């Protein structure tokens, strides 16, 4: 099951920006439209393990809207 990070400024399914959400939390929602429009980013587990044995989550996508300089 895919997981996503809320990257937009709006809440999605009652969750706040920065939180992780799964496909199961988004029934009958056009997930691809939320990804394409920049509200969600696909979360991928990294190879690095946290102390509790769970994989940490890395966010993929365009982060230009964060205001960073190149």
N, C-alpha and C. Protein backbone atom coordinates (compact mmCIF):
# COMPACT_ATOMS: atom_id res chain seq x y z
N UNK A 1 0.84 -1.17 0.00
CA UNK A 1 0.00 0.00 0.00
C UNK A 1 0.89 1.24 0.00
N UNK A 2 0.58 2.17 -0.88
CA UNK A 2 1.39 3.38 -0.99
C UNK A 2 1.09 4.33 0.16
N UNK A 3 2.12 5.08 0.51
CA UNK A 3 1.98 6.12 1.54
C UNK A 3 2.35 7.46 0.92
N UNK A 4 1.78 8.52 1.46
CA UNK A 4 1.99 9.86 0.95
C UNK A 4 2.24 10.82 2.09
N UNK A 5 2.93 11.91 1.79
CA UNK A 5 3.14 12.99 2.74
C UNK A 5 2.33 14.18 2.24
N UNK A 6 1.59 14.82 3.14
CA UNK A 6 0.82 16.00 2.78
C UNK A 6 1.80 17.16 2.67
N UNK A 7 1.96 17.69 1.44
CA UNK A 7 2.93 18.75 1.21
C UNK A 7 2.28 20.09 0.93
N UNK A 8 1.00 20.09 0.66
CA UNK A 8 0.30 21.35 0.43
C UNK A 8 0.01 22.04 1.75
N UNK A 9 -0.71 23.14 1.68
CA UNK A 9 -1.02 23.89 2.89
C UNK A 9 -2.38 23.52 3.49
N UNK A 10 -3.13 22.67 2.81
CA UNK A 10 -4.48 22.31 3.28
C UNK A 10 -4.47 20.95 3.96
N UNK A 11 -5.43 20.76 4.87
CA UNK A 11 -5.63 19.45 5.48
C UNK A 11 -6.22 18.52 4.44
N UNK A 12 -5.86 17.24 4.53
CA UNK A 12 -6.43 16.21 3.67
C UNK A 12 -6.88 15.08 4.56
N UNK A 13 -8.14 14.70 4.44
CA UNK A 13 -8.73 13.62 5.24
C UNK A 13 -8.50 13.84 6.73
N UNK A 14 -8.57 15.09 7.15
CA UNK A 14 -8.41 15.42 8.57
C UNK A 14 -6.97 15.44 9.05
N UNK A 15 -6.03 15.28 8.16
CA UNK A 15 -4.61 15.28 8.52
C UNK A 15 -3.98 16.61 8.13
N UNK A 16 -2.98 17.02 8.87
CA UNK A 16 -2.29 18.29 8.66
C UNK A 16 -1.12 18.17 7.72
N UNK A 17 -0.71 19.28 7.09
CA UNK A 17 0.48 19.27 6.25
C UNK A 17 1.69 18.71 7.01
N UNK A 18 2.48 17.88 6.33
CA UNK A 18 3.65 17.26 6.94
C UNK A 18 3.38 15.86 7.45
N UNK A 19 2.11 15.51 7.64
CA UNK A 19 1.77 14.17 8.13
C UNK A 19 1.78 13.17 6.99
N UNK A 20 1.97 11.90 7.34
CA UNK A 20 1.95 10.81 6.38
C UNK A 20 0.55 10.20 6.37
N UNK A 21 0.10 9.82 5.18
CA UNK A 21 -1.24 9.26 5.01
C UNK A 21 -1.13 8.11 4.02
N UNK A 22 -1.98 7.10 4.14
CA UNK A 22 -1.91 5.96 3.22
C UNK A 22 -3.13 5.94 2.30
N UNK A 23 -3.06 5.08 1.30
CA UNK A 23 -4.18 4.92 0.37
C UNK A 23 -5.45 4.53 1.11
N UNK A 24 -5.33 3.72 2.16
CA UNK A 24 -6.50 3.28 2.91
C UNK A 24 -7.21 4.45 3.59
N UNK A 25 -6.47 5.53 3.87
CA UNK A 25 -7.06 6.70 4.50
C UNK A 25 -7.80 7.58 3.49
N UNK A 26 -7.69 7.26 2.21
CA UNK A 26 -8.24 8.10 1.14
C UNK A 26 -9.18 7.31 0.23
N UNK A 27 -10.21 6.67 0.80
CA UNK A 27 -11.12 5.91 -0.07
C UNK A 27 -11.92 6.85 -0.97
N UNK A 28 -12.13 6.43 -2.19
CA UNK A 28 -12.93 7.20 -3.16
C UNK A 28 -12.37 8.59 -3.43
N UNK A 29 -11.05 8.76 -3.27
CA UNK A 29 -10.39 10.04 -3.53
C UNK A 29 -9.47 9.86 -4.73
N UNK A 30 -9.41 10.84 -5.60
CA UNK A 30 -8.52 10.79 -6.75
C UNK A 30 -7.11 11.17 -6.27
N UNK A 31 -6.38 10.17 -5.82
CA UNK A 31 -5.05 10.39 -5.25
C UNK A 31 -4.10 10.98 -6.28
N UNK A 32 -4.15 10.49 -7.50
CA UNK A 32 -3.24 10.98 -8.54
C UNK A 32 -3.45 12.47 -8.78
N UNK A 33 -4.68 12.95 -8.70
CA UNK A 33 -4.95 14.38 -8.86
C UNK A 33 -4.32 15.18 -7.72
N UNK A 34 -4.35 14.65 -6.51
CA UNK A 34 -3.74 15.34 -5.36
C UNK A 34 -2.21 15.37 -5.50
N UNK A 35 -1.63 14.31 -6.03
CA UNK A 35 -0.17 14.27 -6.25
C UNK A 35 0.20 15.26 -7.35
N UNK A 36 -0.52 15.20 -8.47
CA UNK A 36 -0.23 16.07 -9.61
C UNK A 36 -0.37 17.54 -9.25
N UNK A 37 -1.35 17.87 -8.41
CA UNK A 37 -1.59 19.27 -8.06
C UNK A 37 -0.72 19.76 -6.91
N UNK A 38 0.15 18.88 -6.36
CA UNK A 38 1.09 19.32 -5.35
C UNK A 38 0.59 19.28 -3.92
N UNK A 39 -0.50 18.57 -3.68
CA UNK A 39 -1.01 18.46 -2.31
C UNK A 39 -0.43 17.26 -1.58
N UNK A 40 -0.07 16.22 -2.33
CA UNK A 40 0.54 15.02 -1.77
C UNK A 40 1.82 14.69 -2.52
N UNK A 41 2.77 14.09 -1.81
CA UNK A 41 3.98 13.57 -2.43
C UNK A 41 4.11 12.11 -2.01
N UNK A 42 4.57 11.27 -2.92
CA UNK A 42 4.74 9.86 -2.61
C UNK A 42 5.86 9.72 -1.59
N UNK A 43 5.57 9.00 -0.52
CA UNK A 43 6.57 8.74 0.53
C UNK A 43 7.21 7.40 0.24
N UNK A 44 8.52 7.36 0.22
CA UNK A 44 9.23 6.12 -0.03
C UNK A 44 10.11 5.82 1.18
N UNK A 45 10.10 4.58 1.65
CA UNK A 45 10.98 4.23 2.77
C UNK A 45 12.43 4.30 2.34
N UNK A 46 13.25 4.88 3.19
CA UNK A 46 14.67 4.93 2.89
C UNK A 46 15.32 3.63 3.37
N UNK A 47 16.56 3.43 3.00
CA UNK A 47 17.27 2.23 3.42
C UNK A 47 17.76 2.35 4.86
N UNK A 48 17.76 3.56 5.38
CA UNK A 48 18.22 3.81 6.74
C UNK A 48 17.14 3.41 7.73
N UNK A 49 17.50 2.76 8.82
CA UNK A 49 16.53 2.32 9.83
C UNK A 49 16.54 3.26 11.02
N UNK A 50 15.35 3.48 11.59
CA UNK A 50 15.24 4.24 12.82
C UNK A 50 15.55 3.32 13.99
N UNK A 51 15.62 3.89 15.18
CA UNK A 51 15.93 3.10 16.38
C UNK A 51 14.89 2.02 16.65
N UNK A 52 13.64 2.25 16.29
CA UNK A 52 12.60 1.26 16.57
C UNK A 52 12.47 0.22 15.46
N UNK A 53 13.37 0.23 14.48
CA UNK A 53 13.38 -0.76 13.43
C UNK A 53 12.53 -0.42 12.22
N UNK A 54 11.78 0.68 12.27
CA UNK A 54 10.97 1.08 11.13
C UNK A 54 11.82 1.89 10.16
N UNK A 55 11.49 1.77 8.91
CA UNK A 55 12.20 2.55 7.89
C UNK A 55 11.73 3.99 7.98
N UNK A 56 12.64 4.93 7.82
CA UNK A 56 12.24 6.33 7.79
C UNK A 56 11.63 6.64 6.44
N UNK A 57 10.94 7.75 6.33
CA UNK A 57 10.22 8.09 5.11
C UNK A 57 10.90 9.26 4.42
N UNK A 58 11.18 9.09 3.14
CA UNK A 58 11.75 10.16 2.33
C UNK A 58 10.66 10.65 1.38
N UNK A 59 10.61 11.94 1.14
CA UNK A 59 9.60 12.52 0.27
C UNK A 59 10.19 12.80 -1.09
N UNK A 60 9.48 12.38 -2.12
CA UNK A 60 9.91 12.69 -3.47
C UNK A 60 9.00 13.76 -4.03
N UNK A 61 9.48 14.51 -4.98
CA UNK A 61 8.62 15.50 -5.62
C UNK A 61 9.32 16.83 -5.75
N UNK A 62 8.61 17.79 -6.28
CA UNK A 62 9.13 19.13 -6.52
C UNK A 62 8.99 19.96 -5.25
N UNK A 63 10.09 20.39 -4.70
CA UNK A 63 10.07 21.17 -3.47
C UNK A 63 10.40 22.63 -3.71
N UNK A 64 10.29 23.09 -4.95
CA UNK A 64 10.58 24.47 -5.27
C UNK A 64 9.68 25.44 -4.52
N UNK A 65 8.47 25.01 -4.17
CA UNK A 65 7.54 25.89 -3.50
C UNK A 65 7.96 26.16 -2.04
N UNK A 66 8.99 25.49 -1.57
CA UNK A 66 9.44 25.66 -0.19
C UNK A 66 10.24 26.94 0.00
N UNK A 67 10.60 27.60 -1.06
CA UNK A 67 11.29 28.87 -0.94
C UNK A 67 12.80 28.77 -0.83
N UNK A 68 13.35 27.60 -1.05
CA UNK A 68 14.81 27.43 -0.98
C UNK A 68 15.48 28.03 -2.20
N UNK A 69 16.75 28.36 -2.06
CA UNK A 69 17.48 28.89 -3.20
C UNK A 69 18.39 27.82 -3.77
N UNK A 70 18.67 27.93 -5.05
CA UNK A 70 19.51 26.92 -5.71
C UNK A 70 20.93 27.38 -5.80
